[in-house]
Amino acid sequence: MRQSQLFFITKREEKKEKAISAKFLIRGGFIEKLASGIYNFLPLGFLVLKKIEKIIEEEMKKIGGQQLLLAALHPKEFWEKTGRWETMDDIYKLKEGEKEFALGPTHEEIIVPLAKKFIHSFKDLPLYLFQIQTKFRKEMRAKGGLLRTKEFLMKDLYSFHATEEDLDNYYEKVKQAYFRIFERCQIKEKTYLTFASGGTFSKYSHEFQTLTPAGEDTIFICQNCKQAINKEIKDQVPNCPNCGQNKFLKEKAIEVGNIFKLKEKFSFPFNLTFLDKDGKEKLVLMGCYGIGLGRLMAAICEVNHDKNGICWPAEVSPFKFHLLWIGSQNEKKVAEKFYEKFKQKFEILFDDRENSPGEKLVEADLLGITWRLVISKKTLEKKCFELKKREEKEGKLIKIEKAFEVLKSL
């Protein structure tokens, strides 16, 4: 992609936004604010979002997830079945003549009646279904860029089981899948599995909380076993539920995912049952598992940045390489040949513009593409280009004739 043709606009300091991720994503032309809590994803931001989506899809499929796409517009009667039409205060409701609908804030009310058409016997279980779908919620405290929004992309996985043992085993598999996702996004080191309220059906659910000063959640990390608990649990218990000690470190964090044992909570109102091996009718047990993609994108920025901009991890970087030329038209011609030779083999953003060297380098840091390639008079004197990883201070010279094997190895 030629940068001269890229649809993006970099901006000056975004003083209104307190979250680092919001400042850099807006300044770098990744997202654009439409209204409070509502954002457009521009081409650079959309590329990052698709990379995150790919990672999540791969990890969900590794644990047996089948991907589908459910409707975002929900008839009122499905929500009346569970009583949440009246009890959830953040649903967007629409009316069409005498019929009422909700813009889906979550999809239990839709997935359970659908699963009921398939599940009849223990032979149909377990079943794991997931989607990546836009959710809508009346968020009155929208702020922090993508950290808290009214419209957001979410991965929601729903599991269906015949026994509690099977539910428990799959629950552990999802935990590990989530940590693989966060490792690939390079936020695992700052992400804690956090005890949260389990509601009526389980003692605890679990949140995945990533430490950052921009976080709106408060978590407490046990100094003995490193188990984290959220504020709600801390208000209920003085000691760590995992090891019994009572020394905690208080931290700010972003919730990037959650997992929950629903058990019969949604099976019951829809009478989602199966016949077991003895021919007895039983309620299906369920689990649900969510990750907000936009919030995860913001968390990646919060963890991976410096004072100049974002440092995108390789797997989610909008492009793998950012090619710059500095100097005269001679350097530009060499860079053009370099780009034409490798554009079909690698993801390269080529800054082909006539901007000053300073502008190009500053903007490259702001965009944060993982690897920067620079062709200049100084590098060409040695028949080289400079290769530098975004977060590293110094680059190294690579012979142009060895470009393919070096780039391929990264």
Protein backbone atom coordinates (compact mmCIF):
# COMPACT_ATOMS: atom_id res chain seq x y z
CA MET A 1 0.00 0.00 0.00
CA ARG A 2 1.28 3.46 -0.92
CA GLN A 3 0.91 5.93 1.93
CA SER A 4 0.01 8.68 -0.53
CA GLN A 5 -3.14 6.71 -1.34
CA LEU A 6 -3.98 5.62 2.22
CA PHE A 7 -7.20 7.05 3.67
CA PHE A 8 -5.98 8.45 6.98
CA ILE A 9 -5.35 11.75 8.70
CA THR A 10 -2.86 12.18 11.53
CA LYS A 11 -3.74 14.82 14.11
CA ARG A 12 -2.00 16.93 16.68
CA GLU A 13 -2.14 16.15 20.41
CA GLU A 14 -5.60 14.94 21.47
CA LYS A 15 -5.88 16.83 24.77
CA LYS A 16 -9.51 15.89 25.47
CA GLU A 17 -8.70 12.19 25.77
CA LYS A 18 -7.06 10.99 28.98
CA ALA A 19 -6.46 7.37 27.91
CA ILE A 20 -3.19 6.87 26.03
CA SER A 21 -4.89 4.44 23.66
CA ALA A 22 -7.56 6.98 22.71
CA LYS A 23 -4.97 9.69 22.09
CA PHE A 24 -2.76 7.58 19.85
CA LEU A 25 -5.55 5.76 17.99
CA ILE A 26 -7.25 9.07 17.13
CA ARG A 27 -4.01 10.96 16.39
CA GLY A 28 -2.70 8.11 14.23
CA GLY A 29 -5.84 7.94 12.11
CA PHE A 30 -6.89 4.47 13.28
CA ILE A 31 -10.31 5.53 14.57
CA GLU A 32 -12.51 8.60 14.28
CA LYS A 33 -15.03 9.75 16.87
CA LEU A 34 -18.56 10.04 15.49
CA ALA A 35 -20.29 10.78 18.80
CA SER A 36 -19.82 9.97 22.48
CA GLY A 37 -19.09 6.25 22.69
CA ILE A 38 -19.41 5.75 18.91
CA TYR A 39 -16.37 5.36 16.65
CA ASN A 40 -15.59 4.76 12.99
CA PHE A 41 -12.68 2.44 12.24
CA LEU A 42 -10.54 3.89 9.44
CA PRO A 43 -8.46 1.60 7.16
CA LEU A 44 -5.48 1.35 9.54
CA GLY A 45 -7.73 0.63 12.51
CA PHE A 46 -9.80 -1.86 10.53
CA LEU A 47 -6.64 -3.76 9.54
CA VAL A 48 -5.69 -4.07 13.23
CA LEU A 49 -9.23 -5.12 14.13
CA LYS A 50 -9.18 -7.87 11.48
CA LYS A 51 -5.83 -9.16 12.79
CA ILE A 52 -7.27 -9.35 16.32
CA GLU A 53 -10.37 -11.06 14.93
CA LYS A 54 -8.20 -13.65 13.15
CA ILE A 55 -6.30 -14.49 16.35
CA ILE A 56 -9.55 -14.94 18.29
CA GLU A 57 -11.15 -17.06 15.56
CA GLU A 58 -8.10 -19.34 15.41
CA GLU A 59 -8.01 -19.88 19.17
CA MET A 60 -11.77 -20.48 19.42
CA LYS A 61 -11.63 -23.06 16.65
CA LYS A 62 -8.74 -24.84 18.41
CA ILE A 63 -11.09 -25.59 21.32
CA GLY A 64 -13.89 -26.80 19.07
CA GLY A 65 -15.80 -23.58 18.50
CA GLN A 66 -18.03 -23.37 15.41
CA GLN A 67 -18.48 -19.85 14.10
CA LEU A 68 -21.84 -18.41 13.17
CA LEU A 69 -23.39 -14.96 12.92
CA LEU A 70 -26.60 -14.17 14.78
CA ALA A 71 -29.08 -11.38 14.13
CA ALA A 72 -28.48 -8.05 15.85
CA LEU A 73 -32.20 -7.15 15.87
CA HIS A 74 -34.07 -9.19 18.50
CA PRO A 75 -37.86 -9.61 18.84
CA LYS A 76 -39.15 -8.55 22.26
CA GLU A 77 -40.70 -11.93 23.09
CA PHE A 78 -37.31 -13.65 23.33
CA TRP A 79 -36.22 -11.19 25.99
CA GLU A 80 -39.53 -11.44 27.83
CA LYS A 81 -38.90 -15.19 28.24
CA THR A 82 -35.93 -14.47 30.51
CA GLY A 83 -37.40 -11.36 32.14
CA ARG A 84 -34.53 -9.21 30.93
CA TRP A 85 -36.70 -6.99 28.70
CA GLU A 86 -37.62 -5.08 31.86
CA THR A 87 -34.63 -5.74 34.13
CA MET A 88 -31.77 -4.70 31.79
CA ASP A 89 -31.55 -0.92 31.76
CA ASP A 90 -29.02 -0.56 28.93
CA ILE A 91 -31.03 -2.07 26.05
CA TYR A 92 -31.80 0.01 22.98
CA LYS A 93 -35.48 -0.64 22.18
CA LEU A 94 -37.19 -0.03 18.84
CA LYS A 95 -40.82 -0.11 17.80
CA GLU A 96 -42.26 -1.04 14.40
CA GLY A 97 -46.03 -0.74 14.45
CA GLU A 98 -47.18 -3.00 17.27
CA LYS A 99 -43.94 -5.00 17.33
CA GLU A 100 -40.97 -4.18 19.55
CA PHE A 101 -37.35 -5.12 19.09
CA ALA A 102 -34.03 -4.77 20.89
CA LEU A 103 -30.64 -4.02 19.39
CA GLY A 104 -28.73 -6.99 20.80
CA PRO A 105 -26.60 -6.15 23.85
CA THR A 106 -25.81 -9.88 24.20
CA HIS A 107 -27.11 -13.07 22.56
CA GLU A 108 -28.19 -15.65 25.15
CA GLU A 109 -31.84 -15.01 24.27
CA ILE A 110 -31.11 -15.80 20.61
CA ILE A 111 -28.57 -18.64 20.81
CA VAL A 112 -30.57 -20.81 23.27
CA PRO A 113 -33.76 -21.13 21.14
CA LEU A 114 -31.50 -21.83 18.15
CA ALA A 115 -29.58 -24.55 20.01
CA LYS A 116 -32.91 -26.06 21.14
CA LYS A 117 -33.64 -26.93 17.48
CA PHE A 118 -30.45 -29.03 17.36
CA ILE A 119 -29.99 -30.47 20.86
CA HIS A 120 -32.25 -33.44 21.68
CA SER A 121 -30.02 -36.16 23.09
CA PHE A 122 -26.78 -36.52 25.05
CA LYS A 123 -25.28 -37.48 21.68
CA ASP A 124 -25.73 -33.86 20.54
CA LEU A 125 -23.54 -32.58 23.40
CA PRO A 126 -21.19 -30.92 24.02
CA LEU A 127 -21.68 -28.08 21.55
CA TYR A 128 -19.60 -24.90 21.22
CA LEU A 129 -20.87 -21.96 19.16
CA PHE A 130 -19.27 -18.53 18.81
CA GLN A 131 -19.67 -15.36 16.82
CA ILE A 132 -18.00 -11.98 16.37
CA GLN A 133 -20.87 -9.55 16.28
CA THR A 134 -21.70 -5.90 16.95
CA LYS A 135 -23.36 -5.27 20.32
CA PHE A 136 -25.31 -2.19 21.41
CA ARG A 137 -25.65 -0.91 24.97
CA LYS A 138 -26.85 2.38 26.44
CA GLU A 139 -23.55 3.32 28.03
CA MET A 140 -24.12 6.57 29.91
CA ARG A 141 -20.46 6.82 30.98
CA ALA A 142 -18.88 6.38 27.55
CA LYS A 143 -15.25 7.54 27.69
CA GLY A 144 -11.66 6.46 27.17
CA GLY A 145 -11.98 5.98 23.42
CA LEU A 146 -12.61 2.29 22.74
CA LEU A 147 -12.49 1.37 26.45
CA ARG A 148 -16.16 2.15 27.05
CA THR A 149 -18.49 2.52 24.07
CA LYS A 150 -22.16 2.23 23.11
CA GLU A 151 -21.53 0.14 20.01
CA PHE A 152 -18.78 -2.47 20.03
CA LEU A 153 -17.58 -5.63 18.35
CA MET A 154 -17.60 -8.65 20.62
CA LYS A 155 -16.65 -12.30 20.44
CA ASP A 156 -19.20 -14.33 22.39
CA LEU A 157 -18.83 -18.08 22.75
CA TYR A 158 -21.59 -20.26 24.20
CA SER A 159 -20.98 -23.83 25.34
CA PHE A 160 -23.65 -26.48 25.96
CA HIS A 161 -23.02 -29.51 28.20
CA ALA A 162 -24.64 -32.63 29.62
CA THR A 163 -22.71 -32.62 32.92
CA GLU A 164 -21.09 -30.17 35.32
CA GLU A 165 -17.80 -32.05 34.95
CA ASP A 166 -17.85 -31.45 31.21
CA LEU A 167 -18.70 -27.76 31.73
CA ASP A 168 -15.87 -27.41 34.27
CA ASN A 169 -13.35 -29.03 31.92
CA TYR A 170 -14.30 -26.82 29.00
CA TYR A 171 -14.25 -23.75 31.22
CA GLU A 172 -10.57 -24.47 31.93
CA LYS A 173 -9.88 -24.91 28.20
CA VAL A 174 -11.35 -21.47 27.52
CA LYS A 175 -9.15 -19.93 30.22
CA GLN A 176 -6.08 -21.27 28.46
CA ALA A 177 -7.36 -20.16 25.04
CA TYR A 178 -7.83 -16.63 26.39
CA PHE A 179 -4.30 -16.52 27.72
CA ARG A 180 -3.02 -17.66 24.31
CA ILE A 181 -4.97 -14.80 22.71
CA PHE A 182 -3.51 -12.28 25.15
CA GLU A 183 -0.02 -13.69 24.66
CA ARG A 184 -0.30 -13.28 20.87
CA CYS A 185 -1.51 -9.71 21.45
CA GLN A 186 1.42 -9.11 23.86
CA ILE A 187 -0.63 -8.15 26.89
CA LYS A 188 -0.44 -11.45 28.80
CA GLU A 189 2.29 -10.25 31.20
CA LYS A 190 -0.02 -7.53 32.49
CA THR A 191 -3.27 -9.49 32.37
CA TYR A 192 -4.67 -11.20 35.47
CA LEU A 193 -7.34 -13.85 35.81
CA THR A 194 -9.62 -12.11 38.29
CA PHE A 195 -12.33 -13.54 40.53
CA ALA A 196 -15.68 -11.80 40.00
CA SER A 197 -19.22 -12.43 41.19
CA GLY A 198 -20.76 -15.63 39.84
CA GLY A 199 -24.33 -14.53 40.45
CA THR A 200 -26.94 -17.09 41.47
CA PHE A 201 -25.51 -20.17 39.78
CA SER A 202 -21.76 -20.11 40.51
CA LYS A 203 -19.61 -18.91 43.39
CA TYR A 204 -17.31 -17.03 41.03
CA SER A 205 -17.04 -16.00 37.43
CA HIS A 206 -13.76 -14.77 36.01
CA GLU A 207 -12.63 -11.56 34.38
CA PHE A 208 -9.38 -11.00 32.53
CA GLN A 209 -8.05 -7.65 33.70
CA THR A 210 -5.13 -5.83 32.05
CA LEU A 211 -3.22 -3.37 34.24
CA THR A 212 -3.17 0.23 33.01
CA PRO A 213 -3.60 3.66 34.65
CA ALA A 214 -6.44 4.29 32.16
CA GLY A 215 -8.47 1.36 33.53
CA GLU A 216 -11.82 2.11 35.11
CA ASP A 217 -11.87 -1.12 37.10
CA THR A 218 -10.07 -1.61 40.41
CA ILE A 219 -8.56 -5.00 41.13
CA PHE A 220 -6.68 -6.37 44.13
CA ILE A 221 -3.71 -8.67 43.50
CA CYS A 222 -2.74 -11.11 46.25
CA GLN A 223 0.92 -10.55 47.09
CA ASN A 224 1.31 -14.20 48.06
CA CYS A 225 -0.18 -16.15 45.11
CA LYS A 226 -0.80 -13.34 42.56
CA GLN A 227 -4.50 -14.21 42.32
CA ALA A 228 -6.58 -11.11 41.52
CA ILE A 229 -10.07 -10.28 42.77
CA ASN A 230 -12.30 -7.42 41.70
CA LYS A 231 -13.68 -4.71 43.98
CA GLU A 232 -17.02 -6.46 44.42
CA ILE A 233 -15.34 -9.61 45.77
CA LYS A 234 -12.90 -7.57 47.92
CA ASP A 235 -15.89 -5.92 49.61
CA GLN A 236 -17.20 -9.39 50.52
CA VAL A 237 -14.06 -11.22 51.65
CA PRO A 238 -11.00 -9.94 53.59
CA ASN A 239 -8.75 -12.81 52.51
CA CYS A 240 -7.64 -14.17 49.15
CA PRO A 241 -10.14 -16.84 47.98
CA ASN A 242 -7.22 -18.78 46.49
CA CYS A 243 -4.61 -18.92 49.29
CA GLY A 244 -6.24 -17.29 52.34
CA GLN A 245 -3.66 -14.50 52.75
CA ASN A 246 -4.78 -10.89 53.15
CA LYS A 247 -2.03 -8.74 51.62
CA PHE A 248 -3.23 -7.15 48.37
CA LEU A 249 -1.86 -4.66 45.87
CA LYS A 250 -4.54 -2.29 44.54
CA GLU A 251 -4.33 -1.61 40.79
CA LYS A 252 -6.29 0.02 37.95
CA ALA A 253 -7.19 -2.29 35.08
CA ILE A 254 -9.22 -2.81 31.89
CA GLU A 255 -11.50 -5.82 31.63
CA VAL A 256 -10.56 -7.41 28.29
CA GLY A 257 -12.57 -10.60 28.65
CA ASN A 258 -14.87 -12.60 30.91
CA ILE A 259 -16.01 -16.20 31.33
CA PHE A 260 -19.12 -17.32 33.17
CA LYS A 261 -20.81 -20.61 34.10
CA LEU A 262 -24.44 -19.97 33.28
CA LYS A 263 -25.49 -23.52 34.16
CA GLU A 264 -29.33 -23.68 33.82
CA LYS A 265 -29.95 -19.92 33.92
CA PHE A 266 -31.01 -19.65 30.26
CA SER A 267 -31.82 -23.30 29.60
CA PHE A 268 -34.69 -23.17 32.09
CA PRO A 269 -36.80 -20.33 30.61
CA PHE A 270 -36.49 -21.80 27.11
CA ASN A 271 -36.82 -25.41 28.32
CA LEU A 272 -33.57 -26.38 26.61
CA THR A 273 -33.37 -30.08 27.55
CA PHE A 274 -31.81 -33.33 26.38
CA LEU A 275 -32.38 -37.02 26.99
CA ASP A 276 -29.51 -38.61 28.91
CA LYS A 277 -28.20 -42.19 28.50
CA ASP A 278 -31.02 -43.48 30.71
CA GLY A 279 -33.69 -41.67 28.71
CA LYS A 280 -34.25 -39.05 31.42
CA GLU A 281 -34.94 -35.46 30.41
CA LYS A 282 -32.44 -32.95 31.83
CA LEU A 283 -31.69 -29.28 31.41
CA VAL A 284 -28.62 -28.45 29.32
CA LEU A 285 -25.81 -26.73 31.24
CA MET A 286 -24.22 -23.66 29.67
CA GLY A 287 -21.18 -21.43 29.81
CA CYS A 288 -20.58 -18.08 28.11
CA TYR A 289 -17.28 -16.43 27.27
CA GLY A 290 -16.78 -12.88 25.94
CA ILE A 291 -14.00 -10.69 24.55
CA GLY A 292 -14.51 -7.12 23.34
CA LEU A 293 -12.36 -6.59 20.24
CA GLY A 294 -12.22 -2.80 20.41
CA ARG A 295 -11.41 -2.86 24.09
CA LEU A 296 -8.69 -5.45 23.44
CA MET A 297 -7.28 -3.19 20.73
CA ALA A 298 -7.18 -0.31 23.22
CA ALA A 299 -5.56 -2.53 25.85
CA ILE A 300 -2.82 -3.51 23.37
CA CYS A 301 -2.08 0.20 22.88
CA GLU A 302 -2.11 0.90 26.62
CA VAL A 303 0.49 -1.82 27.20
CA ASN A 304 2.57 -1.37 24.02
CA HIS A 305 3.50 2.29 23.49
CA ASP A 306 6.13 4.90 24.19
CA LYS A 307 5.97 8.70 24.29
CA ASN A 308 5.96 8.87 20.47
CA GLY A 309 3.14 6.48 19.66
CA ILE A 310 1.96 2.87 19.52
CA CYS A 311 4.35 -0.11 19.27
CA TRP A 312 2.12 -2.68 17.57
CA PRO A 313 2.90 -6.35 18.29
CA ALA A 314 3.74 -8.20 15.08
CA GLU A 315 0.52 -10.26 14.91
CA VAL A 316 -1.79 -7.24 15.09
CA SER A 317 0.24 -4.57 13.31
CA PRO A 318 -1.74 -3.06 10.39
CA PHE A 319 1.27 -3.73 8.14
CA LYS A 320 4.34 -5.76 9.00
CA PHE A 321 6.79 -3.32 7.40
CA HIS A 322 6.85 0.46 6.97
CA LEU A 323 9.17 1.50 4.12
CA LEU A 324 10.49 5.08 4.10
CA TRP A 325 12.83 6.88 1.71
CA ILE A 326 14.88 9.85 2.87
CA GLY A 327 16.92 12.14 0.63
CA SER A 328 16.81 12.81 -3.11
CA GLN A 329 14.86 11.34 -6.03
CA ASN A 330 17.66 8.76 -6.38
CA GLU A 331 16.76 7.28 -2.96
CA LYS A 332 13.10 7.41 -3.91
CA LYS A 333 13.75 5.42 -7.11
CA VAL A 334 15.58 2.70 -5.17
CA ALA A 335 12.75 2.59 -2.62
CA GLU A 336 10.21 2.35 -5.45
CA LYS A 337 12.03 -0.66 -6.92
CA PHE A 338 12.27 -2.23 -3.46
CA TYR A 339 8.54 -1.79 -2.91
CA GLU A 340 7.53 -3.12 -6.32
CA LYS A 341 9.74 -6.17 -5.82
CA PHE A 342 8.39 -7.11 -2.40
CA LYS A 343 4.81 -5.75 -2.18
CA GLN A 344 3.28 -9.08 -3.26
CA LYS A 345 5.42 -11.06 -0.81
CA PHE A 346 5.07 -8.96 2.35
CA GLU A 347 2.64 -6.54 4.01
CA ILE A 348 4.36 -3.21 3.30
CA LEU A 349 3.17 0.36 3.77
CA PHE A 350 5.38 2.50 1.51
CA ASP A 351 5.72 6.16 2.43
CA ASP A 352 6.16 7.42 -1.11
CA ARG A 353 5.31 11.04 -0.23
CA GLU A 354 7.59 14.05 -0.60
CA ASN A 355 7.31 15.00 3.09
CA SER A 356 10.39 16.03 5.09
CA PRO A 357 12.48 13.30 6.79
CA GLY A 358 11.43 14.60 10.20
CA GLU A 359 7.73 14.41 9.37
CA LYS A 360 8.07 10.88 8.01
CA LEU A 361 9.98 9.55 11.01
CA VAL A 362 7.66 11.17 13.56
CA GLU A 363 4.61 9.85 11.75
CA ALA A 364 6.15 6.38 11.48
CA ASP A 365 6.58 6.29 15.26
CA LEU A 366 2.99 7.42 15.75
CA LEU A 367 1.62 4.69 13.46
CA GLY A 368 3.75 2.12 15.25
CA ILE A 369 4.11 -0.50 12.50
CA THR A 370 6.30 -3.31 13.85
CA TRP A 371 9.29 -3.00 11.50
CA ARG A 372 10.62 0.19 9.86
CA LEU A 373 12.73 0.03 6.71
CA VAL A 374 14.64 3.18 5.71
CA ILE A 375 16.46 3.80 2.44
CA SER A 376 18.67 6.89 2.50
CA LYS A 377 21.86 8.22 0.93
CA LYS A 378 23.80 6.96 3.95
CA THR A 379 22.42 3.40 3.69
CA LEU A 380 22.83 3.25 -0.10
CA GLU A 381 26.50 4.13 0.18
CA LYS A 382 26.83 0.69 1.78
CA LYS A 383 24.24 -0.92 -0.54
CA CYS A 384 22.01 -1.39 2.46
CA PHE A 385 18.72 -0.38 4.02
CA GLU A 386 18.15 0.24 7.72
CA LEU A 387 15.92 -2.22 9.60
CA LYS A 388 14.55 -1.16 12.99
CA LYS A 389 11.91 -2.68 15.25
CA ARG A 390 9.49 -0.02 16.46
CA GLU A 391 10.26 -0.26 20.18
CA GLU A 392 14.03 -0.53 19.74
CA LYS A 393 16.25 2.57 19.81
CA GLU A 394 18.80 1.52 17.20
CA GLY A 395 18.39 -0.08 13.79
CA LYS A 396 20.83 -2.22 11.84
CA LEU A 397 22.03 -2.14 8.26
CA ILE A 398 20.96 -4.99 5.98
CA LYS A 399 22.36 -5.61 2.52
CA ILE A 400 19.65 -4.95 -0.08
CA GLU A 401 20.60 -8.18 -1.84
CA LYS A 402 19.69 -10.08 1.36
CA ALA A 403 16.38 -8.27 1.86
CA PHE A 404 14.09 -11.19 0.96
CA GLU A 405 15.65 -13.77 3.27
CA VAL A 406 15.89 -11.27 6.17
CA LEU A 407 12.29 -10.00 5.83
CA LYS A 408 10.98 -13.53 5.42
CA SER A 409 12.66 -14.56 8.68
CA LEU A 410 10.91 -11.87 10.74
